Amino acid sequence: MELPLFEQVGELTRTLVGSEVGEVRFRSHRRGVKVWLDVDTPPRLHYEAQLVPRRHVDGLDGAVLEIGFHAEDGDMAVNDAAMTSLASAEITWRPELGDEVVAGPFLGRPEDWRRCSELWVDPDLDDEEVAFEIASRLADYINVLHPLLAD
């Protein structure tokens, strides 16, 4: 039996993240997967690959795939501290992750949550390689950003 797409992504991400970074934990659902390291309960600062309404990007109908880091703490100071840490290390992560990465307000919730992520518009979720492609990119974010955030 084949696993649902985002469960496949979680399992593949687990194999692609360096063991020195930490033990990968994940929770998947129909529209995405949340990934974190080492602790049993998912923290408010985590990594995610998820389908989000395209209206939050360009006002059009449909969905986009967002992949990256999320700061979703109820305390804005925590979210801002994480983003400040990433901003100060951008010279390190930008060459690894690329110019398409946006570090800024969360899609659809710009007043308090933050993200460091990229968007895939119109991804072919039926492609047999898409689970690996998503997992590979999510693992890139974890392998590059987590050591910077852990400092």
N, C-alpha and C. Protein backbone atom coordinates (compact mmCIF):
# COMPACT_ATOMS: atom_id res chain seq x y z
N MET A 1 0.83 -1.18 0.00
CA MET A 1 0.00 0.00 0.00
C MET A 1 0.88 1.24 0.00
N GLU A 2 0.57 2.17 -0.86
CA GLU A 2 1.34 3.40 -0.98
C GLU A 2 0.87 4.41 0.08
N LEU A 3 1.85 5.07 0.70
CA LEU A 3 1.55 6.08 1.71
C LEU A 3 1.02 7.34 1.06
N PRO A 4 0.17 8.09 1.77
CA PRO A 4 -0.26 9.39 1.26
C PRO A 4 0.95 10.29 1.03
N LEU A 5 0.81 11.25 0.11
CA LEU A 5 1.94 12.09 -0.32
C LEU A 5 2.72 12.68 0.84
N PHE A 6 2.07 13.38 1.75
CA PHE A 6 2.82 14.09 2.77
C PHE A 6 3.37 13.17 3.86
N GLU A 7 2.81 11.99 4.01
CA GLU A 7 3.42 10.99 4.89
C GLU A 7 4.72 10.48 4.24
N GLN A 8 4.68 10.28 2.93
CA GLN A 8 5.90 9.91 2.19
C GLN A 8 6.97 10.97 2.37
N VAL A 9 6.55 12.25 2.26
CA VAL A 9 7.50 13.36 2.41
C VAL A 9 8.14 13.31 3.79
N GLY A 10 7.35 13.10 4.83
CA GLY A 10 7.89 13.02 6.19
C GLY A 10 8.89 11.89 6.34
N GLU A 11 8.54 10.71 5.85
CA GLU A 11 9.46 9.56 5.96
C GLU A 11 10.75 9.81 5.17
N LEU A 12 10.62 10.36 3.97
CA LEU A 12 11.81 10.65 3.17
C LEU A 12 12.67 11.74 3.82
N THR A 13 12.04 12.75 4.37
CA THR A 13 12.79 13.82 5.04
C THR A 13 13.61 13.24 6.17
N ARG A 14 13.03 12.32 6.91
CA ARG A 14 13.73 11.66 8.03
C ARG A 14 15.05 11.04 7.55
N THR A 15 15.05 10.48 6.35
CA THR A 15 16.26 9.83 5.84
C THR A 15 17.27 10.83 5.26
N LEU A 16 16.80 12.03 4.91
CA LEU A 16 17.67 13.00 4.24
C LEU A 16 18.31 14.03 5.18
N VAL A 17 17.80 14.13 6.40
CA VAL A 17 18.37 15.08 7.36
C VAL A 17 19.55 14.41 8.05
N GLY A 18 20.66 15.15 8.15
CA GLY A 18 21.86 14.61 8.79
C GLY A 18 21.61 14.25 10.24
N SER A 19 22.11 13.10 10.67
CA SER A 19 21.89 12.65 12.04
C SER A 19 22.48 13.62 13.07
N GLU A 20 23.51 14.37 12.67
CA GLU A 20 24.12 15.34 13.57
C GLU A 20 23.20 16.53 13.83
N VAL A 21 22.21 16.74 12.96
CA VAL A 21 21.27 17.85 13.13
C VAL A 21 20.25 17.50 14.20
N GLY A 22 19.82 16.26 14.24
CA GLY A 22 18.86 15.83 15.24
C GLY A 22 17.96 14.73 14.73
N GLU A 23 17.12 14.23 15.63
CA GLU A 23 16.17 13.18 15.28
C GLU A 23 14.89 13.81 14.72
N VAL A 24 14.57 13.46 13.49
CA VAL A 24 13.42 14.04 12.80
C VAL A 24 12.12 13.41 13.30
N ARG A 25 11.19 14.29 13.64
CA ARG A 25 9.83 13.89 13.99
C ARG A 25 8.91 14.60 13.00
N PHE A 26 7.76 14.01 12.70
CA PHE A 26 6.85 14.69 11.80
C PHE A 26 5.42 14.29 12.06
N ARG A 27 4.53 15.14 11.58
CA ARG A 27 3.10 14.88 11.61
C ARG A 27 2.57 15.30 10.23
N SER A 28 1.94 14.36 9.56
CA SER A 28 1.43 14.65 8.21
C SER A 28 -0.10 14.69 8.22
N HIS A 29 -0.62 15.37 7.23
CA HIS A 29 -2.06 15.42 7.00
C HIS A 29 -2.28 15.56 5.50
N ARG A 30 -3.50 15.66 5.11
CA ARG A 30 -3.84 15.65 3.68
C ARG A 30 -3.21 16.79 2.90
N ARG A 31 -2.99 17.95 3.55
CA ARG A 31 -2.49 19.13 2.84
C ARG A 31 -1.07 19.51 3.23
N GLY A 32 -0.38 18.67 4.01
CA GLY A 32 0.98 19.04 4.35
C GLY A 32 1.63 18.13 5.38
N VAL A 33 2.85 18.55 5.74
CA VAL A 33 3.61 17.84 6.77
C VAL A 33 4.39 18.86 7.59
N LYS A 34 4.34 18.68 8.92
CA LYS A 34 5.09 19.52 9.85
C LYS A 34 6.24 18.66 10.35
N VAL A 35 7.45 19.24 10.35
CA VAL A 35 8.65 18.51 10.75
C VAL A 35 9.38 19.29 11.83
N TRP A 36 9.87 18.58 12.83
CA TRP A 36 10.66 19.20 13.90
C TRP A 36 11.69 18.19 14.35
N LEU A 37 12.53 18.58 15.28
CA LEU A 37 13.64 17.74 15.71
C LEU A 37 13.62 17.48 17.21
N ASP A 38 13.93 16.24 17.56
CA ASP A 38 14.30 15.80 18.90
C ASP A 38 13.21 15.69 19.96
N VAL A 39 12.23 16.54 19.99
CA VAL A 39 11.22 16.48 21.05
C VAL A 39 9.95 15.80 20.54
N ASP A 40 9.16 15.26 21.47
CA ASP A 40 7.96 14.53 21.08
C ASP A 40 6.85 15.43 20.56
N THR A 41 6.67 16.57 21.19
CA THR A 41 5.59 17.49 20.83
C THR A 41 6.10 18.53 19.84
N PRO A 42 5.36 18.79 18.77
CA PRO A 42 5.85 19.77 17.79
C PRO A 42 5.94 21.17 18.39
N PRO A 43 7.09 21.80 18.28
CA PRO A 43 7.24 23.17 18.78
C PRO A 43 6.62 24.18 17.81
N ARG A 44 6.46 25.38 18.27
CA ARG A 44 5.89 26.44 17.44
C ARG A 44 6.88 26.92 16.37
N LEU A 45 8.16 26.64 16.56
CA LEU A 45 9.17 26.91 15.53
C LEU A 45 9.49 25.56 14.90
N HIS A 46 9.19 25.41 13.62
CA HIS A 46 9.31 24.11 12.97
C HIS A 46 9.47 24.30 11.45
N TYR A 47 9.54 23.21 10.75
CA TYR A 47 9.67 23.20 9.29
C TYR A 47 8.38 22.61 8.73
N GLU A 48 8.05 23.02 7.52
CA GLU A 48 6.77 22.57 6.99
C GLU A 48 6.79 22.59 5.47
N ALA A 49 6.06 21.65 4.91
CA ALA A 49 5.70 21.67 3.48
C ALA A 49 4.19 21.56 3.47
N GLN A 50 3.54 22.57 2.90
CA GLN A 50 2.08 22.58 2.96
C GLN A 50 1.47 23.29 1.77
N LEU A 51 0.27 22.88 1.44
CA LEU A 51 -0.51 23.57 0.43
C LEU A 51 -1.21 24.73 1.11
N VAL A 52 -1.07 25.92 0.53
CA VAL A 52 -1.73 27.11 1.07
C VAL A 52 -2.55 27.75 -0.06
N PRO A 53 -3.61 28.45 0.31
CA PRO A 53 -4.43 29.10 -0.72
C PRO A 53 -3.61 30.10 -1.54
N ARG A 54 -3.71 29.98 -2.82
CA ARG A 54 -2.96 30.86 -3.72
C ARG A 54 -3.38 32.32 -3.58
N ARG A 55 -4.58 32.57 -3.08
CA ARG A 55 -5.04 33.94 -2.92
C ARG A 55 -4.11 34.74 -2.00
N HIS A 56 -3.40 34.06 -1.09
CA HIS A 56 -2.46 34.73 -0.19
C HIS A 56 -1.18 35.15 -0.91
N VAL A 57 -0.98 34.63 -2.11
CA VAL A 57 0.24 34.92 -2.87
C VAL A 57 -0.03 35.96 -3.96
N ASP A 58 -1.00 35.66 -4.81
CA ASP A 58 -1.26 36.55 -5.95
C ASP A 58 -2.74 36.82 -6.21
N GLY A 59 -3.58 36.43 -5.26
CA GLY A 59 -5.00 36.70 -5.38
C GLY A 59 -5.77 35.75 -6.27
N LEU A 60 -5.09 34.77 -6.86
CA LEU A 60 -5.75 33.84 -7.77
C LEU A 60 -6.30 32.64 -7.02
N ASP A 61 -7.16 31.88 -7.68
CA ASP A 61 -7.70 30.65 -7.11
C ASP A 61 -6.66 29.55 -7.18
N GLY A 62 -6.84 28.54 -6.36
CA GLY A 62 -5.96 27.38 -6.37
C GLY A 62 -5.08 27.35 -5.14
N ALA A 63 -4.02 26.57 -5.23
CA ALA A 63 -3.11 26.39 -4.10
C ALA A 63 -1.67 26.47 -4.59
N VAL A 64 -0.79 26.82 -3.68
CA VAL A 64 0.65 26.76 -3.91
C VAL A 64 1.24 25.87 -2.82
N LEU A 65 2.39 25.31 -3.11
CA LEU A 65 3.10 24.52 -2.12
C LEU A 65 4.16 25.41 -1.49
N GLU A 66 4.10 25.54 -0.17
CA GLU A 66 5.10 26.30 0.56
C GLU A 66 6.01 25.32 1.28
N ILE A 67 7.31 25.57 1.21
CA ILE A 67 8.30 24.70 1.85
C ILE A 67 9.27 25.58 2.61
N GLY A 68 9.49 25.26 3.89
CA GLY A 68 10.48 26.03 4.64
C GLY A 68 10.29 26.00 6.13
N PHE A 69 10.77 27.08 6.77
CA PHE A 69 10.76 27.25 8.23
C PHE A 69 9.62 28.17 8.64
N HIS A 70 8.94 27.82 9.74
CA HIS A 70 7.85 28.64 10.27
C HIS A 70 8.14 29.02 11.72
N ALA A 71 7.87 30.27 12.04
CA ALA A 71 7.90 30.77 13.42
C ALA A 71 6.47 31.15 13.76
N GLU A 72 5.79 30.28 14.51
CA GLU A 72 4.36 30.44 14.79
C GLU A 72 4.08 30.56 16.29
N ASP A 73 5.00 31.12 17.03
CA ASP A 73 4.80 31.25 18.46
C ASP A 73 3.76 32.33 18.75
N GLY A 74 3.04 32.19 19.85
CA GLY A 74 2.08 33.20 20.26
C GLY A 74 2.75 34.47 20.76
N ASP A 75 4.02 34.36 21.09
CA ASP A 75 4.81 35.51 21.56
C ASP A 75 5.61 36.05 20.37
N MET A 76 5.25 37.22 19.89
CA MET A 76 5.93 37.81 18.74
C MET A 76 7.43 37.96 18.96
N ALA A 77 7.85 38.16 20.21
CA ALA A 77 9.28 38.30 20.50
C ALA A 77 10.03 37.03 20.12
N VAL A 78 9.42 35.88 20.33
CA VAL A 78 10.05 34.60 19.96
C VAL A 78 10.18 34.51 18.44
N ASN A 79 9.12 34.85 17.73
CA ASN A 79 9.14 34.82 16.26
C ASN A 79 10.17 35.81 15.72
N ASP A 80 10.16 37.01 16.28
CA ASP A 80 11.10 38.03 15.82
C ASP A 80 12.55 37.63 16.11
N ALA A 81 12.79 37.01 17.25
CA ALA A 81 14.15 36.58 17.60
C ALA A 81 14.65 35.53 16.59
N ALA A 82 13.78 34.60 16.22
CA ALA A 82 14.17 33.59 15.24
C ALA A 82 14.48 34.23 13.90
N MET A 83 13.65 35.18 13.48
CA MET A 83 13.87 35.84 12.20
C MET A 83 15.11 36.74 12.23
N THR A 84 15.37 37.37 13.36
CA THR A 84 16.58 38.18 13.51
C THR A 84 17.81 37.30 13.40
N SER A 85 17.75 36.13 14.01
CA SER A 85 18.85 35.18 13.93
C SER A 85 19.10 34.76 12.47
N LEU A 86 18.02 34.48 11.75
CA LEU A 86 18.18 34.10 10.34
C LEU A 86 18.67 35.27 9.49
N ALA A 87 18.19 36.46 9.77
CA ALA A 87 18.63 37.64 9.01
C ALA A 87 20.12 37.87 9.20
N SER A 88 20.60 37.68 10.42
CA SER A 88 22.02 37.92 10.68
C SER A 88 22.91 36.84 10.05
N ALA A 89 22.31 35.68 9.73
CA ALA A 89 23.07 34.58 9.12
C ALA A 89 22.74 34.40 7.64
N GLU A 90 22.06 35.38 7.05
CA GLU A 90 21.63 35.22 5.65
C GLU A 90 22.80 34.97 4.71
N ILE A 91 23.93 35.56 4.99
CA ILE A 91 25.11 35.35 4.14
C ILE A 91 25.53 33.88 4.12
N THR A 92 25.14 33.14 5.14
CA THR A 92 25.44 31.71 5.22
C THR A 92 24.38 30.88 4.50
N TRP A 93 23.10 31.14 4.78
CA TRP A 93 22.06 30.27 4.23
C TRP A 93 21.62 30.64 2.83
N ARG A 94 21.69 31.90 2.45
CA ARG A 94 21.19 32.31 1.12
C ARG A 94 21.90 31.56 -0.02
N PRO A 95 23.23 31.43 -0.01
CA PRO A 95 23.87 30.68 -1.12
C PRO A 95 23.44 29.21 -1.17
N GLU A 96 23.10 28.64 -0.02
CA GLU A 96 22.69 27.24 0.04
C GLU A 96 21.24 27.04 -0.38
N LEU A 97 20.37 27.96 0.02
CA LEU A 97 18.94 27.79 -0.23
C LEU A 97 18.43 28.54 -1.46
N GLY A 98 19.10 29.63 -1.84
CA GLY A 98 18.75 30.31 -3.08
C GLY A 98 17.96 31.59 -2.92
N ASP A 99 17.86 32.30 -4.03
CA ASP A 99 17.22 33.61 -4.06
C ASP A 99 15.70 33.56 -3.96
N GLU A 100 15.10 32.41 -4.23
CA GLU A 100 13.64 32.32 -4.18
C GLU A 100 13.09 32.27 -2.75
N VAL A 101 13.95 32.12 -1.77
CA VAL A 101 13.53 32.05 -0.38
C VAL A 101 13.14 33.45 0.11
N VAL A 102 11.97 33.52 0.76
CA VAL A 102 11.48 34.76 1.35
C VAL A 102 11.51 34.62 2.86
N ALA A 103 12.16 35.57 3.52
CA ALA A 103 12.15 35.63 4.98
C ALA A 103 11.28 36.82 5.34
N GLY A 104 10.09 36.53 5.88
CA GLY A 104 9.18 37.63 6.18
C GLY A 104 7.88 37.16 6.77
N PRO A 105 6.82 37.92 6.56
CA PRO A 105 5.51 37.61 7.13
C PRO A 105 4.96 36.28 6.62
N PHE A 106 4.22 35.64 7.47
CA PHE A 106 3.56 34.38 7.16
C PHE A 106 2.45 34.62 6.15
N LEU A 107 2.22 33.72 5.25
CA LEU A 107 1.16 33.84 4.26
C LEU A 107 -0.21 33.71 4.93
N GLY A 108 -1.03 34.71 4.76
CA GLY A 108 -2.37 34.67 5.32
C GLY A 108 -2.45 35.08 6.79
N ARG A 109 -1.32 35.32 7.41
CA ARG A 109 -1.31 35.72 8.83
C ARG A 109 -0.09 36.62 9.07
N PRO A 110 -0.02 37.73 8.37
CA PRO A 110 1.19 38.58 8.41
C PRO A 110 1.39 39.35 9.71
N GLU A 111 0.36 39.43 10.54
CA GLU A 111 0.48 40.27 11.72
C GLU A 111 1.35 39.68 12.83
N ASP A 112 1.51 38.33 12.87
CA ASP A 112 2.27 37.80 13.99
C ASP A 112 3.21 36.64 13.65
N TRP A 113 2.84 35.77 12.76
CA TRP A 113 3.72 34.64 12.43
C TRP A 113 4.71 35.05 11.34
N ARG A 114 5.82 34.30 11.25
CA ARG A 114 6.88 34.58 10.28
C ARG A 114 7.28 33.30 9.56
N ARG A 115 7.95 33.48 8.43
CA ARG A 115 8.39 32.34 7.63
C ARG A 115 9.71 32.64 6.96
N CYS A 116 10.41 31.59 6.65
CA CYS A 116 11.58 31.63 5.77
C CYS A 116 11.35 30.44 4.84
N SER A 117 10.76 30.73 3.67
CA SER A 117 10.27 29.63 2.83
C SER A 117 10.20 30.05 1.37
N GLU A 118 9.87 29.07 0.56
CA GLU A 118 9.69 29.29 -0.87
C GLU A 118 8.34 28.73 -1.30
N LEU A 119 7.90 29.15 -2.46
CA LEU A 119 6.61 28.72 -2.98
C LEU A 119 6.80 28.01 -4.32
N TRP A 120 6.09 26.93 -4.48
CA TRP A 120 6.02 26.24 -5.76
C TRP A 120 4.60 26.44 -6.28
N VAL A 121 4.49 27.22 -7.33
CA VAL A 121 3.18 27.48 -7.94
C VAL A 121 2.85 26.34 -8.90
N ASP A 122 1.65 25.84 -8.79
CA ASP A 122 1.16 24.76 -9.65
C ASP A 122 2.06 23.52 -9.67
N PRO A 123 2.44 23.00 -8.49
CA PRO A 123 3.25 21.78 -8.50
C PRO A 123 2.41 20.59 -8.99
N ASP A 124 3.04 19.67 -9.66
CA ASP A 124 2.35 18.46 -10.12
C ASP A 124 2.42 17.43 -9.00
N LEU A 125 1.41 17.39 -8.15
CA LEU A 125 1.41 16.50 -7.00
C LEU A 125 1.18 15.04 -7.38
N ASP A 126 0.89 14.79 -8.64
CA ASP A 126 0.72 13.41 -9.12
C ASP A 126 2.01 12.85 -9.70
N ASP A 127 3.02 13.67 -9.88
CA ASP A 127 4.31 13.21 -10.41
C ASP A 127 4.90 12.20 -9.44
N GLU A 128 5.41 11.10 -9.94
CA GLU A 128 5.92 10.05 -9.05
C GLU A 128 7.19 10.45 -8.31
N GLU A 129 7.86 11.52 -8.72
CA GLU A 129 9.07 12.00 -8.04
C GLU A 129 8.80 13.14 -7.07
N VAL A 130 7.57 13.65 -7.01
CA VAL A 130 7.32 14.86 -6.24
C VAL A 130 7.55 14.68 -4.74
N ALA A 131 7.25 13.53 -4.18
CA ALA A 131 7.49 13.32 -2.74
C ALA A 131 8.97 13.47 -2.43
N PHE A 132 9.82 12.88 -3.26
CA PHE A 132 11.26 13.00 -3.03
C PHE A 132 11.72 14.44 -3.23
N GLU A 133 11.21 15.12 -4.24
CA GLU A 133 11.60 16.51 -4.49
C GLU A 133 11.23 17.42 -3.31
N ILE A 134 10.02 17.25 -2.79
CA ILE A 134 9.59 18.05 -1.64
C ILE A 134 10.44 17.72 -0.42
N ALA A 135 10.62 16.44 -0.14
CA ALA A 135 11.41 16.01 1.02
C ALA A 135 12.85 16.50 0.93
N SER A 136 13.41 16.43 -0.25
CA SER A 136 14.78 16.88 -0.45
C SER A 136 14.92 18.37 -0.14
N ARG A 137 13.96 19.13 -0.60
CA ARG A 137 14.00 20.58 -0.36
C ARG A 137 13.74 20.90 1.10
N LEU A 138 12.82 20.20 1.73
CA LEU A 138 12.56 20.40 3.15
C LEU A 138 13.80 20.03 3.97
N ALA A 139 14.46 18.96 3.61
CA ALA A 139 15.70 18.56 4.29
C ALA A 139 16.79 19.62 4.11
N ASP A 140 16.85 20.26 2.94
CA ASP A 140 17.81 21.35 2.73
C ASP A 140 17.59 22.44 3.77
N TYR A 141 16.34 22.83 3.96
CA TYR A 141 16.04 23.87 4.95
C TYR A 141 16.48 23.45 6.35
N ILE A 142 16.16 22.22 6.72
CA ILE A 142 16.51 21.74 8.06
C ILE A 142 18.02 21.67 8.22
N ASN A 143 18.70 21.06 7.27
CA ASN A 143 20.16 20.90 7.37
C ASN A 143 20.89 22.23 7.39
N VAL A 144 20.37 23.24 6.70
CA VAL A 144 21.04 24.55 6.63
C VAL A 144 20.61 25.47 7.77
N LEU A 145 19.31 25.55 8.04
CA LEU A 145 18.83 26.54 9.01
C LEU A 145 18.91 26.08 10.47
N HIS A 146 18.66 24.80 10.71
CA HIS A 146 18.59 24.36 12.11
C HIS A 146 19.87 24.64 12.91
N PRO A 147 21.04 24.37 12.35
CA PRO A 147 22.25 24.70 13.12
C PRO A 147 22.36 26.19 13.42
N LEU A 148 21.87 27.04 12.53
CA LEU A 148 21.92 28.49 12.75
C LEU A 148 20.94 28.91 13.83
N LEU A 149 19.78 28.28 13.87
CA LEU A 149 18.76 28.60 14.86
C LEU A 149 19.09 28.02 16.24
N ALA A 150 19.83 26.92 16.25
CA ALA A 150 20.17 26.27 17.51
C ALA A 150 21.26 27.00 18.28
N ASP A 151 22.01 27.87 17.59
CA ASP A 151 23.09 28.60 18.26
C ASP A 151 22.57 29.63 19.24
